[in-house]
């Protein structure tokens, strides 16, 4: 903490200890330091992490902070800090930018409510009075403060916007770039270059000579905007790792070890070590490195590796492919049809979830034509009388298969009996790149089950994978979410669709699919 912060904190603590104070004394202390201002006006408990951030923002006009989600970057870096800075200088013109306008607009609305109705805020900064609140010329939500003799400038005191919003030719005295990166604007090298170019040419171009610029978020790729700021010599850079203390020491207690419960909403805040460990188990390794440890995953980092897959193979040691399902189990299947280019395989994966574990019953694939595919599907239906359905991508070719499967007269010509036709259930699934690479429902999400021992892959008695399981494992090892244009293995796609069918039909540890 700076000398000013230490002095302000000591005086504030002394006034609190006395149990009473004169309003002008408390106002002087809060005007001097944003930490005591935040505690006094908004009732939160300031954490050492947030005091360090305020020290950085006090000392360095241009700064880049990498910090994990849910650690108060928006609250402390914008909501509290903007009000404190505007209270000390009502002539400032500040800009809050995020990936979209949702968070900035919500933050500004909350700030406006406090300016109108927070008695302690009025006590500390009686000059904070709203002259206008609404949309400015470019349709961005903004707030104008009264700036002497009820004068209102053309440009707002505080404007909130997303990265894609228009920015008219205004100057700004401060820019908070708050989690400006997301899936869409970092998806490709071109998108990342465009994001950095917009920040450099459009947003920073509005900053006055004396303006401060603050970036806070976390990295996505080595060539993204977060790294562009971190590598600039004119920006002070600091990385905060959820598994390190504020001083950089690895291990407990972490960045925010004290659990705090909001007195109004009863919502808990803070990151005790047990919560950090629980979160690590829920997140795939790449997102854990990127978002929570604020480290750029190396290009060589495999989301799935053989050590991880061997755990699943060991749990399935001695299990045959095509084995019968346990009584009461309703298996499902995912199909990745061949594209017809001569080298692409059609793959059919069958499995189920029960007791919190994903079980694979069968994986088969090859250079099949439609006749062979329908024969393999019929064999699956005969093998598993309680089969709950097939999931296919709903691209043009797959939907042709779906429409064919839904025509009893056509399927009869392929040798299907009325009983098989009646039992066959088929669903189409729209597969976008965003879905496929999603960390919550995409291929990446499967890693969490492998990591937590919730996946069983059939293997031979010596633990070696069966041939089709080996192809699945190799496809998982080769899968790289950083190379989204790279073809994902047909075996991986089929396995993922099988898992997605389980999720869509509601298979859980205690409930079987809705048949």
Protein backbone atom coordinates (compact mmCIF):
# COMPACT_ATOMS: atom_id res chain seq x y z
CA UNK A 1 0.00 0.00 0.00
CA UNK A 2 1.13 3.55 -0.66
CA UNK A 3 1.98 5.92 2.21
CA UNK A 4 -1.27 7.80 1.54
CA UNK A 5 -3.27 4.56 1.68
CA UNK A 6 -1.60 3.48 4.92
CA UNK A 7 -2.33 6.85 6.54
CA UNK A 8 -5.93 6.88 5.31
CA UNK A 9 -6.50 3.31 6.49
CA UNK A 10 -5.07 4.06 9.93
CA UNK A 11 -7.29 7.12 10.32
CA UNK A 12 -10.35 5.24 9.05
CA UNK A 13 -9.76 2.34 11.44
CA UNK A 14 -9.31 4.82 14.29
CA UNK A 15 -12.64 6.51 13.52
CA UNK A 16 -14.38 3.14 13.34
CA UNK A 17 -12.89 2.14 16.69
CA UNK A 18 -14.26 5.28 18.31
CA UNK A 19 -17.71 4.26 17.13
CA UNK A 20 -18.61 7.76 15.97
CA UNK A 21 -17.15 10.40 13.71
CA UNK A 22 -17.86 13.72 12.17
CA UNK A 23 -19.06 13.45 8.60
CA UNK A 24 -16.40 15.80 7.26
CA UNK A 25 -13.66 13.70 8.88
CA UNK A 26 -14.89 10.51 7.23
CA UNK A 27 -15.36 12.34 3.92
CA UNK A 28 -11.74 13.52 3.99
CA UNK A 29 -10.48 9.99 4.60
CA UNK A 30 -12.65 8.46 1.83
CA UNK A 31 -11.69 11.14 -0.67
CA UNK A 32 -8.03 10.35 -0.04
CA UNK A 33 -8.16 6.58 -0.58
CA UNK A 34 -10.38 4.36 -2.78
CA UNK A 35 -10.06 1.40 -0.41
CA UNK A 36 -11.68 3.10 2.59
CA UNK A 37 -14.12 4.86 0.22
CA UNK A 38 -15.35 1.48 -1.04
CA UNK A 39 -15.74 0.01 2.43
CA UNK A 40 -17.49 3.03 3.93
CA UNK A 41 -19.89 3.80 1.06
CA UNK A 42 -20.75 0.28 -0.11
CA UNK A 43 -20.19 -1.90 2.94
CA UNK A 44 -17.84 -4.49 1.44
CA UNK A 45 -14.68 -5.79 3.13
CA UNK A 46 -11.66 -4.72 1.12
CA UNK A 47 -9.29 -7.62 0.40
CA UNK A 48 -5.48 -7.32 0.10
CA UNK A 49 -5.80 -8.25 -3.58
CA UNK A 50 -7.98 -5.21 -4.26
CA UNK A 51 -5.68 -2.93 -2.29
CA UNK A 52 -2.78 -4.07 -4.49
CA UNK A 53 -4.82 -3.31 -7.60
CA UNK A 54 -5.58 0.21 -6.35
CA UNK A 55 -1.88 0.74 -5.65
CA UNK A 56 -1.08 -0.26 -9.25
CA UNK A 57 -3.76 2.07 -10.65
CA UNK A 58 -2.54 4.91 -8.43
CA UNK A 59 1.08 4.53 -9.49
CA UNK A 60 0.84 3.58 -13.16
CA UNK A 61 -1.36 5.53 -15.61
CA UNK A 62 -1.11 2.60 -18.03
CA UNK A 63 -1.43 -0.89 -16.62
CA UNK A 64 -2.28 -4.45 -17.65
CA UNK A 65 -3.60 -6.83 -15.00
CA UNK A 66 -4.30 -10.50 -15.66
CA UNK A 67 -6.62 -11.87 -12.98
CA UNK A 68 -9.10 -14.78 -12.68
CA UNK A 69 -12.88 -14.47 -13.08
CA UNK A 70 -15.05 -13.61 -10.07
CA UNK A 71 -12.30 -11.74 -8.25
CA UNK A 72 -13.88 -8.28 -8.43
CA UNK A 73 -12.20 -6.72 -11.47
CA UNK A 74 -15.37 -4.95 -12.65
CA UNK A 75 -16.62 -4.06 -9.18
CA UNK A 76 -13.36 -2.60 -7.88
CA UNK A 77 -11.83 -1.47 -11.16
CA UNK A 78 -14.92 0.26 -12.55
CA UNK A 79 -17.86 0.62 -10.16
CA UNK A 80 -15.94 1.76 -7.06
CA UNK A 81 -12.94 3.28 -8.81
CA UNK A 82 -14.95 5.32 -11.36
CA UNK A 83 -17.20 6.79 -8.65
CA UNK A 84 -14.18 7.68 -6.52
CA UNK A 85 -12.34 9.31 -9.44
CA UNK A 86 -15.40 11.25 -10.64
CA UNK A 87 -16.13 12.34 -7.09
CA UNK A 88 -12.64 13.81 -6.86
CA UNK A 89 -12.90 15.40 -10.32
CA UNK A 90 -16.37 15.81 -11.84
CA UNK A 91 -14.86 17.07 -15.10
CA UNK A 92 -13.43 13.67 -16.04
CA UNK A 93 -14.80 11.74 -19.00
CA UNK A 94 -14.41 7.99 -18.49
CA UNK A 95 -15.09 4.98 -20.72
CA UNK A 96 -15.88 1.38 -19.67
CA UNK A 97 -15.43 -1.20 -22.45
CA UNK A 98 -16.12 -4.96 -22.35
CA UNK A 99 -16.56 -7.66 -24.99
CA UNK A 100 -20.27 -6.76 -25.10
CA UNK A 101 -22.21 -3.86 -23.58
CA UNK A 102 -24.11 -6.05 -21.09
CA UNK A 103 -21.67 -5.78 -18.16
CA UNK A 104 -20.75 -2.10 -18.68
CA UNK A 105 -24.41 -1.07 -18.89
CA UNK A 106 -25.32 -3.04 -15.76
CA UNK A 107 -22.41 -1.47 -13.87
CA UNK A 108 -23.40 2.04 -14.96
CA UNK A 109 -27.03 1.53 -13.94
CA UNK A 110 -25.91 0.37 -10.49
CA UNK A 111 -23.64 3.41 -10.17
CA UNK A 112 -26.49 5.76 -11.15
CA UNK A 113 -28.73 4.24 -8.47
CA UNK A 114 -26.07 4.86 -5.83
CA UNK A 115 -25.47 8.45 -6.97
CA UNK A 116 -29.19 9.09 -6.51
CA UNK A 117 -29.87 7.13 -3.33
CA UNK A 118 -26.68 6.34 -1.37
CA UNK A 119 -26.54 8.71 1.61
CA UNK A 120 -22.93 7.89 2.45
CA UNK A 121 -21.85 8.51 -1.12
CA UNK A 122 -23.53 11.95 -0.93
CA UNK A 123 -21.76 12.57 2.36
CA UNK A 124 -18.34 11.87 0.84
CA UNK A 125 -18.94 13.46 -2.56
CA UNK A 126 -21.85 15.94 -2.38
CA UNK A 127 -20.87 17.24 -5.84
CA UNK A 128 -21.90 13.97 -7.56
CA UNK A 129 -25.24 14.92 -9.13
CA UNK A 130 -26.71 13.47 -12.30
CA UNK A 131 -27.62 15.96 -15.00
CA UNK A 132 -28.64 13.35 -17.58
CA UNK A 133 -28.76 9.58 -17.88
CA UNK A 134 -29.58 7.76 -21.11
CA UNK A 135 -28.37 6.97 -24.60
CA UNK A 136 -25.87 9.24 -26.32
CA UNK A 137 -25.61 9.85 -30.06
CA UNK A 138 -24.02 6.47 -30.83
CA UNK A 139 -26.73 4.74 -28.71
CA UNK A 140 -24.29 3.81 -25.92
CA UNK A 141 -25.64 4.10 -22.38
CA UNK A 142 -24.06 7.11 -20.68
CA UNK A 143 -24.24 9.37 -17.64
CA UNK A 144 -23.64 13.11 -17.50
CA UNK A 145 -22.77 14.79 -14.19
CA UNK A 146 -23.53 18.39 -13.30
CA UNK A 147 -20.28 20.26 -13.77
CA UNK A 148 -20.73 23.57 -12.00
CA UNK A 149 -23.70 25.93 -12.32
CA UNK A 150 -25.74 22.97 -13.60
CA UNK A 151 -23.62 22.97 -16.77
CA UNK A 152 -23.64 19.76 -18.80
CA UNK A 153 -20.91 19.04 -21.36
CA UNK A 154 -21.72 17.49 -24.73
CA UNK A 155 -19.62 14.40 -23.91
CA UNK A 156 -20.72 12.17 -21.01
CA UNK A 157 -18.91 11.72 -17.73
CA UNK A 158 -19.22 7.92 -17.96
CA UNK A 159 -20.02 5.89 -21.06
CA UNK A 160 -20.45 2.10 -21.27
CA UNK A 161 -20.00 0.12 -24.46
CA UNK A 162 -19.05 -3.20 -26.04
CA UNK A 163 -16.15 -3.80 -28.39
CA UNK A 164 -18.40 -3.66 -31.45
CA UNK A 165 -20.25 -0.49 -30.47
CA UNK A 166 -19.70 2.74 -32.35
CA UNK A 167 -17.48 5.34 -30.74
CA UNK A 168 -17.98 8.89 -31.92
CA UNK A 169 -15.11 11.37 -31.91
CA UNK A 170 -14.86 12.19 -28.23
CA UNK A 171 -11.85 12.50 -26.00
CA UNK A 172 -11.59 10.45 -22.84
CA UNK A 173 -9.57 10.89 -19.65
CA UNK A 174 -9.66 7.23 -18.72
CA UNK A 175 -10.42 3.88 -20.37
CA UNK A 176 -11.13 0.65 -18.51
CA UNK A 177 -10.76 -2.33 -20.87
CA UNK A 178 -12.58 -4.93 -18.81
CA UNK A 179 -12.60 -8.53 -20.14
CA UNK A 180 -12.78 -7.29 -23.72
CA UNK A 181 -11.86 -10.71 -25.15
CA UNK A 182 -14.38 -13.51 -25.73
CA UNK A 183 -14.83 -16.58 -27.92
CA UNK A 184 -15.96 -14.61 -30.97
CA UNK A 185 -13.23 -11.97 -31.10
CA UNK A 186 -10.38 -14.43 -30.40
CA UNK A 187 -11.62 -17.32 -32.56
CA UNK A 188 -9.05 -16.92 -35.36
CA UNK A 189 -5.73 -15.08 -35.77
CA UNK A 190 -7.57 -12.58 -38.00
CA UNK A 191 -10.19 -11.97 -35.29
CA UNK A 192 -7.48 -11.44 -32.67
CA UNK A 193 -5.62 -9.01 -34.94
CA UNK A 194 -8.88 -7.13 -35.59
CA UNK A 195 -9.58 -6.85 -31.84
CA UNK A 196 -6.11 -5.50 -31.11
CA UNK A 197 -6.39 -3.09 -34.04
CA UNK A 198 -9.71 -1.73 -32.78
CA UNK A 199 -8.29 -1.18 -29.31
CA UNK A 200 -5.13 0.46 -30.64
CA UNK A 201 -6.59 2.61 -33.41
CA UNK A 202 -10.15 3.39 -32.29
CA UNK A 203 -10.40 3.18 -28.49
CA UNK A 204 -6.91 4.26 -27.42
CA UNK A 205 -7.00 6.89 -30.16
CA UNK A 206 -9.70 8.70 -28.14
CA UNK A 207 -7.49 8.94 -25.04
CA UNK A 208 -6.10 12.36 -24.16
CA UNK A 209 -2.36 12.77 -23.56
CA UNK A 210 -2.78 12.54 -19.78
CA UNK A 211 -5.40 9.78 -19.87
CA UNK A 212 -5.00 6.55 -17.95
CA UNK A 213 -5.64 3.21 -19.70
CA UNK A 214 -6.26 0.01 -17.73
CA UNK A 215 -6.61 -3.47 -19.13
CA UNK A 216 -7.85 -6.31 -16.93
CA UNK A 217 -8.80 -9.79 -18.03
CA UNK A 218 -6.94 -12.98 -18.87
CA UNK A 219 -5.10 -14.33 -21.95
CA UNK A 220 -6.56 -16.55 -24.66
CA UNK A 221 -3.68 -16.98 -27.15
CA UNK A 222 -0.08 -15.82 -27.47
CA UNK A 223 -1.02 -13.33 -30.18
CA UNK A 224 -4.10 -11.82 -28.51
CA UNK A 225 -4.77 -8.34 -27.12
CA UNK A 226 -3.96 -9.37 -23.54
CA UNK A 227 -0.44 -10.33 -24.58
CA UNK A 228 -0.14 -7.21 -26.75
CA UNK A 229 -0.68 -5.08 -23.64
CA UNK A 230 1.53 -7.25 -21.41
CA UNK A 231 4.47 -6.92 -23.79
CA UNK A 232 4.25 -3.13 -24.18
CA UNK A 233 7.03 -1.23 -22.41
CA UNK A 234 4.73 1.70 -21.62
CA UNK A 235 2.32 -0.54 -19.63
CA UNK A 236 2.93 -1.93 -16.17
CA UNK A 237 2.07 -5.66 -16.25
CA UNK A 238 1.09 -7.93 -13.36
CA UNK A 239 -0.33 -11.46 -13.43
CA UNK A 240 -2.44 -12.88 -10.59
CA UNK A 241 -2.71 -16.68 -10.39
CA UNK A 242 -5.63 -18.17 -8.41
CA UNK A 243 -3.22 -20.80 -7.01
CA UNK A 244 -0.80 -18.19 -5.69
CA UNK A 245 -1.02 -15.59 -2.95
CA UNK A 246 -0.98 -11.88 -3.73
CA UNK A 247 2.81 -11.82 -3.32
CA UNK A 248 3.22 -14.68 -5.82
CA UNK A 249 3.81 -17.48 -3.29
CA UNK A 250 2.37 -20.79 -4.61
CA UNK A 251 -0.26 -22.66 -2.62
CA UNK A 252 -2.61 -21.60 0.17
CA UNK A 253 -4.03 -19.19 1.12
CA UNK A 254 -4.49 -17.92 -2.48
CA UNK A 255 -5.57 -14.52 -3.75
CA UNK A 256 -8.83 -14.14 -1.82
CA UNK A 257 -8.86 -16.63 1.07
CA UNK A 258 -11.60 -15.00 3.14
CA UNK A 259 -15.18 -15.96 2.38
CA UNK A 260 -17.50 -12.95 2.49
CA UNK A 261 -21.30 -13.09 2.41
CA UNK A 262 -23.24 -10.12 1.03
CA UNK A 263 -25.61 -8.90 3.75
CA UNK A 264 -28.30 -7.94 1.24
CA UNK A 265 -28.25 -10.78 -1.31
CA UNK A 266 -26.73 -13.46 0.96
CA UNK A 267 -24.42 -14.33 -1.97
CA UNK A 268 -20.97 -15.67 -0.95
CA UNK A 269 -17.81 -14.14 -2.35
CA UNK A 270 -14.17 -15.12 -1.99
CA UNK A 271 -11.96 -18.06 -2.89
CA UNK A 272 -10.95 -20.23 0.08
CA UNK A 273 -8.50 -22.96 -0.89
CA UNK A 274 -11.17 -25.68 -0.80
CA UNK A 275 -13.24 -23.76 -3.36
CA UNK A 276 -10.21 -23.35 -5.61
CA UNK A 277 -9.58 -27.11 -5.54
CA UNK A 278 -13.25 -27.81 -6.27
CA UNK A 279 -13.21 -25.40 -9.22
CA UNK A 280 -10.09 -27.02 -10.66
CA UNK A 281 -11.90 -30.37 -10.76
CA UNK A 282 -14.79 -28.80 -12.72
CA UNK A 283 -12.75 -27.09 -15.44
CA UNK A 284 -10.69 -28.54 -18.27
CA UNK A 285 -6.93 -28.03 -18.11
CA UNK A 286 -6.76 -25.42 -20.86
CA UNK A 287 -9.44 -23.20 -19.33
CA UNK A 288 -7.89 -23.69 -15.91
CA UNK A 289 -4.52 -22.50 -17.21
CA UNK A 290 -6.00 -19.67 -19.26
CA UNK A 291 -8.75 -18.20 -17.09
CA UNK A 292 -7.85 -19.13 -13.55
CA UNK A 293 -4.06 -19.28 -13.58
CA UNK A 294 -3.79 -16.57 -16.27
CA UNK A 295 -1.22 -18.50 -18.27
CA UNK A 296 -1.26 -18.92 -22.03
CA UNK A 297 -1.51 -22.66 -22.83
CA UNK A 298 1.43 -23.71 -24.95
CA UNK A 299 0.76 -24.78 -28.50
CA UNK A 300 2.02 -28.26 -27.56
CA UNK A 301 -0.34 -28.66 -24.61
CA UNK A 302 -2.66 -31.60 -25.21
CA UNK A 303 -6.13 -31.40 -23.74
CA UNK A 304 -6.17 -35.21 -23.70
CA UNK A 305 -2.96 -37.17 -23.18
CA UNK A 306 -2.25 -40.88 -22.91
CA UNK A 307 -1.72 -40.73 -19.14
CA UNK A 308 -5.23 -39.32 -18.79
CA UNK A 309 -6.75 -41.86 -21.19
CA UNK A 310 -5.01 -44.79 -19.50
CA UNK A 311 -7.07 -44.15 -16.38
CA UNK A 312 -10.23 -44.76 -18.41
CA UNK A 313 -8.69 -47.79 -20.12
CA UNK A 314 -7.62 -49.26 -16.76
CA UNK A 315 -11.17 -48.89 -15.47
CA UNK A 316 -12.41 -50.76 -18.54
CA UNK A 317 -9.78 -53.51 -18.42
CA UNK A 318 -11.20 -56.79 -19.73
CA UNK A 319 -14.47 -55.31 -21.01
CA UNK A 320 -15.51 -56.47 -24.46
CA UNK A 321 -16.92 -54.24 -27.18
CA UNK A 322 -20.55 -54.99 -28.00
CA UNK A 323 -21.16 -56.45 -24.55
CA UNK A 324 -24.69 -56.49 -23.18
CA UNK A 325 -25.96 -53.56 -21.16
CA UNK A 326 -26.96 -54.01 -17.55
CA UNK A 327 -30.65 -54.44 -16.79
CA UNK A 328 -32.60 -51.20 -16.78
CA UNK A 329 -29.94 -49.37 -18.82
CA UNK A 330 -31.02 -47.49 -21.96
CA UNK A 331 -27.96 -47.02 -24.23
CA UNK A 332 -27.73 -44.25 -26.82
CA UNK A 333 -25.58 -43.79 -29.92
CA UNK A 334 -23.80 -40.99 -31.75
CA UNK A 335 -23.16 -41.26 -35.51
CA UNK A 336 -20.62 -39.24 -37.50
CA UNK A 337 -21.45 -40.06 -41.16
CA UNK A 338 -18.75 -40.02 -43.80
CA UNK A 339 -18.64 -36.97 -46.06
CA UNK A 340 -18.13 -39.13 -49.13
CA UNK A 341 -14.61 -37.97 -50.03
CA UNK A 342 -13.25 -41.54 -50.03
CA UNK A 343 -11.08 -41.31 -46.89
CA UNK A 344 -13.60 -40.20 -44.27
CA UNK A 345 -15.01 -42.97 -42.08
CA UNK A 346 -18.52 -43.34 -40.76
CA UNK A 347 -18.35 -44.02 -37.01
CA UNK A 348 -21.05 -45.26 -34.64
CA UNK A 349 -20.47 -45.07 -30.86
CA UNK A 350 -22.86 -46.52 -28.27
CA UNK A 351 -22.79 -45.95 -24.52
CA UNK A 352 -24.65 -44.75 -21.45
CA UNK A 353 -24.19 -42.83 -18.19
CA UNK A 354 -25.05 -44.32 -14.79
CA UNK A 355 -23.77 -43.85 -11.28
CA UNK A 356 -21.95 -40.73 -12.37
CA UNK A 357 -19.80 -42.73 -14.84
CA UNK A 358 -19.75 -42.68 -18.66
CA UNK A 359 -19.61 -46.21 -20.07
CA UNK A 360 -18.77 -47.01 -23.69
CA UNK A 361 -20.39 -50.20 -24.94
CA UNK A 362 -19.44 -50.24 -28.60
CA UNK A 363 -17.39 -48.28 -31.15
CA UNK A 364 -17.44 -49.32 -34.79
CA UNK A 365 -16.54 -47.53 -38.00
CA UNK A 366 -15.36 -47.84 -41.58
CA UNK A 367 -15.77 -46.68 -45.17
CA UNK A 368 -19.45 -47.55 -45.17
CA UNK A 369 -22.13 -46.75 -47.72
CA UNK A 370 -25.70 -46.08 -46.56
CA UNK A 371 -26.65 -49.78 -46.85
CA UNK A 372 -23.86 -50.75 -44.46
CA UNK A 373 -24.73 -47.92 -42.05
CA UNK A 374 -28.36 -49.02 -41.83
CA UNK A 375 -27.22 -52.61 -41.27
CA UNK A 376 -24.94 -51.54 -38.40
CA UNK A 377 -27.73 -49.47 -36.84
CA UNK A 378 -30.09 -52.44 -37.06
CA UNK A 379 -27.47 -54.59 -35.34
CA UNK A 380 -27.23 -52.04 -32.51
CA UNK A 381 -31.00 -52.07 -32.07
CA UNK A 382 -31.04 -55.86 -31.94
CA UNK A 383 -28.14 -55.97 -29.47
CA UNK A 384 -29.69 -53.37 -27.16
CA UNK A 385 -33.49 -53.80 -26.91
CA UNK A 386 -33.77 -50.74 -24.63
CA UNK A 387 -31.82 -48.48 -27.02
CA UNK A 388 -32.99 -44.85 -26.57
CA UNK A 389 -31.91 -43.23 -29.84
CA UNK A 390 -29.28 -42.11 -32.35
CA UNK A 391 -27.89 -38.58 -32.63
CA UNK A 392 -26.53 -37.30 -35.96
CA UNK A 393 -25.31 -33.95 -37.15
CA UNK A 394 -28.10 -32.23 -39.05
CA UNK A 395 -26.02 -31.25 -42.07
CA UNK A 396 -27.50 -31.93 -45.51
CA UNK A 397 -26.17 -35.49 -45.84
CA UNK A 398 -27.03 -36.51 -42.29
CA UNK A 399 -30.54 -35.09 -42.59
CA UNK A 400 -31.03 -37.18 -45.72
CA UNK A 401 -30.22 -40.21 -43.56
CA UNK A 402 -32.63 -39.01 -40.88
CA UNK A 403 -35.45 -38.56 -43.38
CA UNK A 404 -34.75 -42.01 -44.80
CA UNK A 405 -34.80 -43.59 -41.35
CA UNK A 406 -38.16 -41.98 -40.68
CA UNK A 407 -39.74 -43.65 -43.76
CA UNK A 408 -40.90 -47.18 -42.90
CA UNK A 409 -41.44 -48.15 -46.53
CA UNK A 410 -37.85 -47.25 -47.45
CA UNK A 411 -36.34 -48.89 -44.38
CA UNK A 412 -38.29 -52.06 -45.12
CA UNK A 413 -36.45 -52.24 -48.43
CA UNK A 414 -33.19 -52.27 -46.45
CA UNK A 415 -34.38 -55.34 -44.56
CA UNK A 416 -35.61 -53.63 -41.42
CA UNK A 417 -38.50 -55.35 -39.65
CA UNK A 418 -41.52 -53.36 -38.40
CA UNK A 419 -40.27 -53.94 -34.84
CA UNK A 420 -36.89 -52.32 -35.60
CA UNK A 421 -38.54 -49.45 -37.46
CA UNK A 422 -40.85 -48.74 -34.51
CA UNK A 423 -37.98 -48.80 -32.01
CA UNK A 424 -35.59 -46.58 -33.98
CA UNK A 425 -35.40 -43.02 -32.69
CA UNK A 426 -33.22 -40.49 -34.50
CA UNK A 427 -32.40 -36.90 -33.66
CA UNK A 428 -30.59 -34.25 -35.65
CA UNK A 429 -28.02 -32.04 -33.92
CA UNK A 430 -26.72 -28.71 -35.21
CA UNK A 431 -22.94 -28.78 -34.80
CA UNK A 432 -21.32 -25.35 -34.95
CA UNK A 433 -17.64 -24.68 -34.30
CA UNK A 434 -18.66 -22.76 -31.20
CA UNK A 435 -20.58 -25.76 -29.83
CA UNK A 436 -17.88 -28.25 -30.77
CA UNK A 437 -15.13 -26.31 -28.98
CA UNK A 438 -17.25 -25.12 -26.06
CA UNK A 439 -15.69 -25.75 -22.65
CA UNK A 440 -19.09 -26.58 -21.14
CA UNK A 441 -20.77 -28.88 -23.71
CA UNK A 442 -18.18 -29.37 -26.46
CA UNK A 443 -15.40 -31.91 -26.98
CA UNK A 444 -13.32 -30.05 -24.41
CA UNK A 445 -15.89 -30.72 -21.69
CA UNK A 446 -15.22 -34.46 -21.99
CA UNK A 447 -11.79 -33.98 -20.45
CA UNK A 448 -13.34 -33.17 -17.09
CA UNK A 449 -14.91 -36.64 -16.95
CA UNK A 450 -11.57 -38.27 -17.86
CA UNK A 451 -9.72 -36.16 -15.29
CA UNK A 452 -12.15 -37.04 -12.49
CA UNK A 453 -12.23 -40.76 -13.25
CA UNK A 454 -15.80 -40.69 -14.57
CA UNK A 455 -15.07 -42.40 -17.91
CA UNK A 456 -14.73 -46.13 -18.69
CA UNK A 457 -13.24 -47.22 -22.03
CA UNK A 458 -13.23 -50.96 -22.86
CA UNK A 459 -9.75 -52.43 -23.12
CA UNK A 460 -8.14 -55.84 -23.46
CA UNK A 461 -7.17 -57.85 -20.35
CA UNK A 462 -3.67 -56.33 -20.47
CA UNK A 463 -5.14 -52.79 -20.60
CA UNK A 464 -4.39 -52.19 -24.27
CA UNK A 465 -7.27 -50.52 -26.14
CA UNK A 466 -9.29 -52.44 -28.69
CA UNK A 467 -8.56 -51.24 -32.27
CA UNK A 468 -11.58 -48.94 -32.57
CA UNK A 469 -11.00 -47.59 -29.04
CA UNK A 470 -7.37 -46.87 -30.01
CA UNK A 471 -8.63 -44.78 -32.92
CA UNK A 472 -10.86 -42.87 -30.51
CA UNK A 473 -7.98 -42.34 -28.08
CA UNK A 474 -5.62 -41.19 -30.82
CA UNK A 475 -8.26 -38.76 -32.06
CA UNK A 476 -8.60 -37.32 -28.55
CA UNK A 477 -4.81 -36.96 -28.20
CA UNK A 478 -4.66 -35.18 -31.57
CA UNK A 479 -7.54 -32.85 -30.71
CA UNK A 480 -6.32 -29.25 -30.31
CA UNK A 481 -8.91 -26.58 -29.43
CA UNK A 482 -6.35 -23.92 -30.33
CA UNK A 483 -6.52 -25.08 -33.96
CA UNK A 484 -10.25 -24.84 -34.54
CA UNK A 485 -9.92 -25.21 -38.30
CA UNK A 486 -8.20 -28.60 -37.90
CA UNK A 487 -10.39 -31.62 -38.73
CA UNK A 488 -11.62 -33.34 -35.60
CA UNK A 489 -11.38 -37.14 -35.71
CA UNK A 490 -14.53 -38.95 -36.87
CA UNK A 491 -14.19 -41.22 -33.83
CA UNK A 492 -14.06 -38.22 -31.48
CA UNK A 493 -17.09 -36.62 -33.14
CA UNK A 494 -19.09 -39.84 -32.86
CA UNK A 495 -18.11 -40.27 -29.20
CA UNK A 496 -18.99 -36.64 -28.42
CA UNK A 497 -22.39 -37.01 -30.14
CA UNK A 498 -23.04 -40.12 -28.06
CA UNK A 499 -22.22 -38.16 -24.88
CA UNK A 500 -24.37 -35.25 -26.09
CA UNK A 501 -27.28 -37.67 -26.64
CA UNK A 502 -26.89 -38.84 -23.05
CA UNK A 503 -27.01 -35.24 -21.83
CA UNK A 504 -29.95 -34.27 -24.04
CA UNK A 505 -32.04 -37.24 -22.94
CA UNK A 506 -31.35 -36.60 -19.27
CA UNK A 507 -29.21 -39.60 -18.33
CA UNK A 508 -27.83 -38.96 -14.86
CA UNK A 509 -26.66 -41.01 -11.94
CA UNK A 510 -30.24 -41.43 -10.72
CA UNK A 511 -32.40 -41.18 -13.83
CA UNK A 512 -32.50 -42.99 -17.14
CA UNK A 513 -33.35 -41.32 -20.46
CA UNK A 514 -36.82 -40.20 -21.38
CA UNK A 515 -37.64 -42.86 -23.99
